[in-house]
Amino acid sequence: HTCQESIEAIDEENKTINYKLFDGDIDNQFKVFKLIFQAIDKENDSAIIKWTIEYERIGEEVDPPYGYIEYVHKCTKDIDVHLLKA
């Protein structure tokens, strides 16, 4: 799948970045497709990451973006492994 991305907003206080995906395959299936990345502080100087996907399909015949959710999950696991090695 192909698409472009842009950062719509960065909220440093809430440690949130909002991304918009567009063009290519995304526009063929979705009117709106956004990823929201938020770091939530925990005890012991650690944090968890919360991903939110907001989307609007162009029609009922378009499936929900399960493949994109799996991709974000895999990337997050890869980042976690990398950070644990650091």
C-alpha atoms as a PDB file:
ATOM      1  CA  HIS A   1       0.000   0.000   0.000  1.00  0.00           C
ATOM      2  CA  THR A   2       1.149   3.500  -0.702  1.00  0.00           C
ATOM      3  CA  CYS A   3       0.295   6.815   0.905  1.00  0.00           C
ATOM      4  CA  GLN A   4       1.718  10.096   2.098  1.00  0.00           C
ATOM      5  CA  GLU A   5       1.741  11.320   5.650  1.00  0.00           C
ATOM      6  CA  SER A   6       1.894  14.663   7.361  1.00  0.00           C
ATOM      7  CA  ILE A   7       2.037  15.776  10.952  1.00  0.00           C
ATOM      8  CA  GLU A   8      -1.113  17.721  11.747  1.00  0.00           C
ATOM      9  CA  ALA A   9      -0.344  18.613  15.356  1.00  0.00           C
ATOM     10  CA  ILE A  10       2.213  18.168  18.106  1.00  0.00           C
ATOM     11  CA  ASP A  11       1.100  18.660  21.695  1.00  0.00           C
ATOM     12  CA  GLU A  12       4.219  18.581  23.854  1.00  0.00           C
ATOM     13  CA  GLU A  13       2.312  19.038  27.109  1.00  0.00           C
ATOM     14  CA  ASN A  14       0.182  15.932  26.442  1.00  0.00           C
ATOM     15  CA  LYS A  15       3.001  14.158  24.561  1.00  0.00           C
ATOM     16  CA  THR A  16       0.812  13.609  21.523  1.00  0.00           C
ATOM     17  CA  ILE A  17       1.510  13.638  17.778  1.00  0.00           C
ATOM     18  CA  ASN A  18      -1.337  13.571  15.243  1.00  0.00           C
ATOM     19  CA  TYR A  19      -0.565  12.196  11.776  1.00  0.00           C
ATOM     20  CA  LYS A  20      -2.741  12.380   8.670  1.00  0.00           C
ATOM     21  CA  LEU A  21      -2.358   9.701   5.976  1.00  0.00           C
ATOM     22  CA  PHE A  22      -3.520  10.565   2.459  1.00  0.00           C
ATOM     23  CA  ASP A  23      -3.047   9.956  -1.277  1.00  0.00           C
ATOM     24  CA  GLY A  24      -2.437   6.602  -2.916  1.00  0.00           C
ATOM     25  CA  ASP A  25      -4.277   3.577  -1.560  1.00  0.00           C
ATOM     26  CA  ILE A  26      -5.543   5.436   1.504  1.00  0.00           C
ATOM     27  CA  ASP A  27      -7.635   7.836  -0.604  1.00  0.00           C
ATOM     28  CA  ASN A  28      -9.098   4.888  -2.522  1.00  0.00           C
ATOM     29  CA  GLN A  29     -10.565   3.462   0.695  1.00  0.00           C
ATOM     30  CA  PHE A  30     -10.902   6.208   3.291  1.00  0.00           C
ATOM     31  CA  LYS A  31     -12.211   9.774   3.419  1.00  0.00           C
ATOM     32  CA  VAL A  32     -10.256  10.352   6.637  1.00  0.00           C
ATOM     33  CA  PHE A  33      -7.340   8.354   8.063  1.00  0.00           C
ATOM     34  CA  LYS A  34      -5.458   9.655  11.094  1.00  0.00           C
ATOM     35  CA  LEU A  35      -2.990   8.116  13.544  1.00  0.00           C
ATOM     36  CA  ILE A  36      -2.634   9.589  17.017  1.00  0.00           C
ATOM     37  CA  PHE A  37       0.498   8.678  18.995  1.00  0.00           C
ATOM     38  CA  GLN A  38       0.500   9.454  22.721  1.00  0.00           C
ATOM     39  CA  ALA A  39       3.166   8.735  25.342  1.00  0.00           C
ATOM     40  CA  ILE A  40       1.646   8.292  28.800  1.00  0.00           C
ATOM     41  CA  ASP A  41       4.039   8.604  31.750  1.00  0.00           C
ATOM     42  CA  LYS A  42       4.078   5.805  34.292  1.00  0.00           C
ATOM     43  CA  GLU A  43       5.935   5.342  37.567  1.00  0.00           C
ATOM     44  CA  ASN A  44       9.681   4.605  37.672  1.00  0.00           C
ATOM     45  CA  ASP A  45      10.489   6.910  34.726  1.00  0.00           C
ATOM     46  CA  SER A  46       8.696   4.658  32.245  1.00  0.00           C
ATOM     47  CA  ALA A  47       5.912   5.270  29.765  1.00  0.00           C
ATOM     48  CA  ILE A  48       3.396   3.436  27.644  1.00  0.00           C
ATOM     49  CA  ILE A  49       2.421   4.317  24.110  1.00  0.00           C
ATOM     50  CA  LYS A  50      -1.193   4.604  23.032  1.00  0.00           C
ATOM     51  CA  TRP A  51      -2.037   4.509  19.321  1.00  0.00           C
ATOM     52  CA  THR A  52      -5.454   5.672  18.143  1.00  0.00           C
ATOM     53  CA  ILE A  53      -6.612   5.247  14.557  1.00  0.00           C
ATOM     54  CA  GLU A  54      -9.425   7.490  13.345  1.00  0.00           C
ATOM     55  CA  TYR A  55     -10.900   6.684   9.955  1.00  0.00           C
ATOM     56  CA  GLU A  56     -13.948   7.154   7.768  1.00  0.00           C
ATOM     57  CA  ARG A  57     -14.503   4.606   4.993  1.00  0.00           C
ATOM     58  CA  ILE A  58     -15.618   5.830   1.561  1.00  0.00           C
ATOM     59  CA  GLY A  59     -18.406   3.241   1.624  1.00  0.00           C
ATOM     60  CA  GLU A  60     -19.771   0.211   3.436  1.00  0.00           C
ATOM     61  CA  GLU A  61     -17.986  -2.097   0.965  1.00  0.00           C
ATOM     62  CA  VAL A  62     -14.599  -1.010   2.351  1.00  0.00           C
ATOM     63  CA  ASP A  63     -13.354  -3.153   5.231  1.00  0.00           C
ATOM     64  CA  PRO A  64     -12.090  -1.574   8.457  1.00  0.00           C
ATOM     65  CA  PRO A  65      -8.312  -1.012   8.382  1.00  0.00           C
ATOM     66  CA  TYR A  66      -7.291  -4.229  10.162  1.00  0.00           C
ATOM     67  CA  GLY A  67      -4.103  -4.519   8.073  1.00  0.00           C
ATOM     68  CA  TYR A  68      -2.987  -1.053   9.163  1.00  0.00           C
ATOM     69  CA  ILE A  69      -3.711  -1.923  12.794  1.00  0.00           C
ATOM     70  CA  GLU A  70      -1.553  -5.053  12.478  1.00  0.00           C
ATOM     71  CA  TYR A  71       1.224  -2.989  10.874  1.00  0.00           C
ATOM     72  CA  VAL A  72       1.192  -0.409  13.707  1.00  0.00           C
ATOM     73  CA  HIS A  73       1.220  -3.265  16.235  1.00  0.00           C
ATOM     74  CA  LYS A  74       4.253  -4.880  14.562  1.00  0.00           C
ATOM     75  CA  CYS A  75       6.129  -1.577  14.346  1.00  0.00           C
ATOM     76  CA  THR A  76       5.445  -0.874  18.010  1.00  0.00           C
ATOM     77  CA  LYS A  77       6.778  -4.304  19.006  1.00  0.00           C
ATOM     78  CA  ASP A  78       9.918  -3.728  16.886  1.00  0.00           C
ATOM     79  CA  ILE A  79      10.487  -0.325  18.498  1.00  0.00           C
ATOM     80  CA  ASP A  80      10.006  -1.876  21.952  1.00  0.00           C
ATOM     81  CA  VAL A  81      12.635  -4.544  21.242  1.00  0.00           C
ATOM     82  CA  HIS A  82      15.049  -1.891  19.967  1.00  0.00           C
ATOM     83  CA  LEU A  83      14.564   0.334  23.026  1.00  0.00           C
ATOM     84  CA  LEU A  84      15.048  -2.558  25.423  1.00  0.00           C
ATOM     85  CA  LYS A  85      18.425  -3.267  23.810  1.00  0.00           C
ATOM     86  CA  ALA A  86      19.546   0.365  24.210  1.00  0.00           C
END
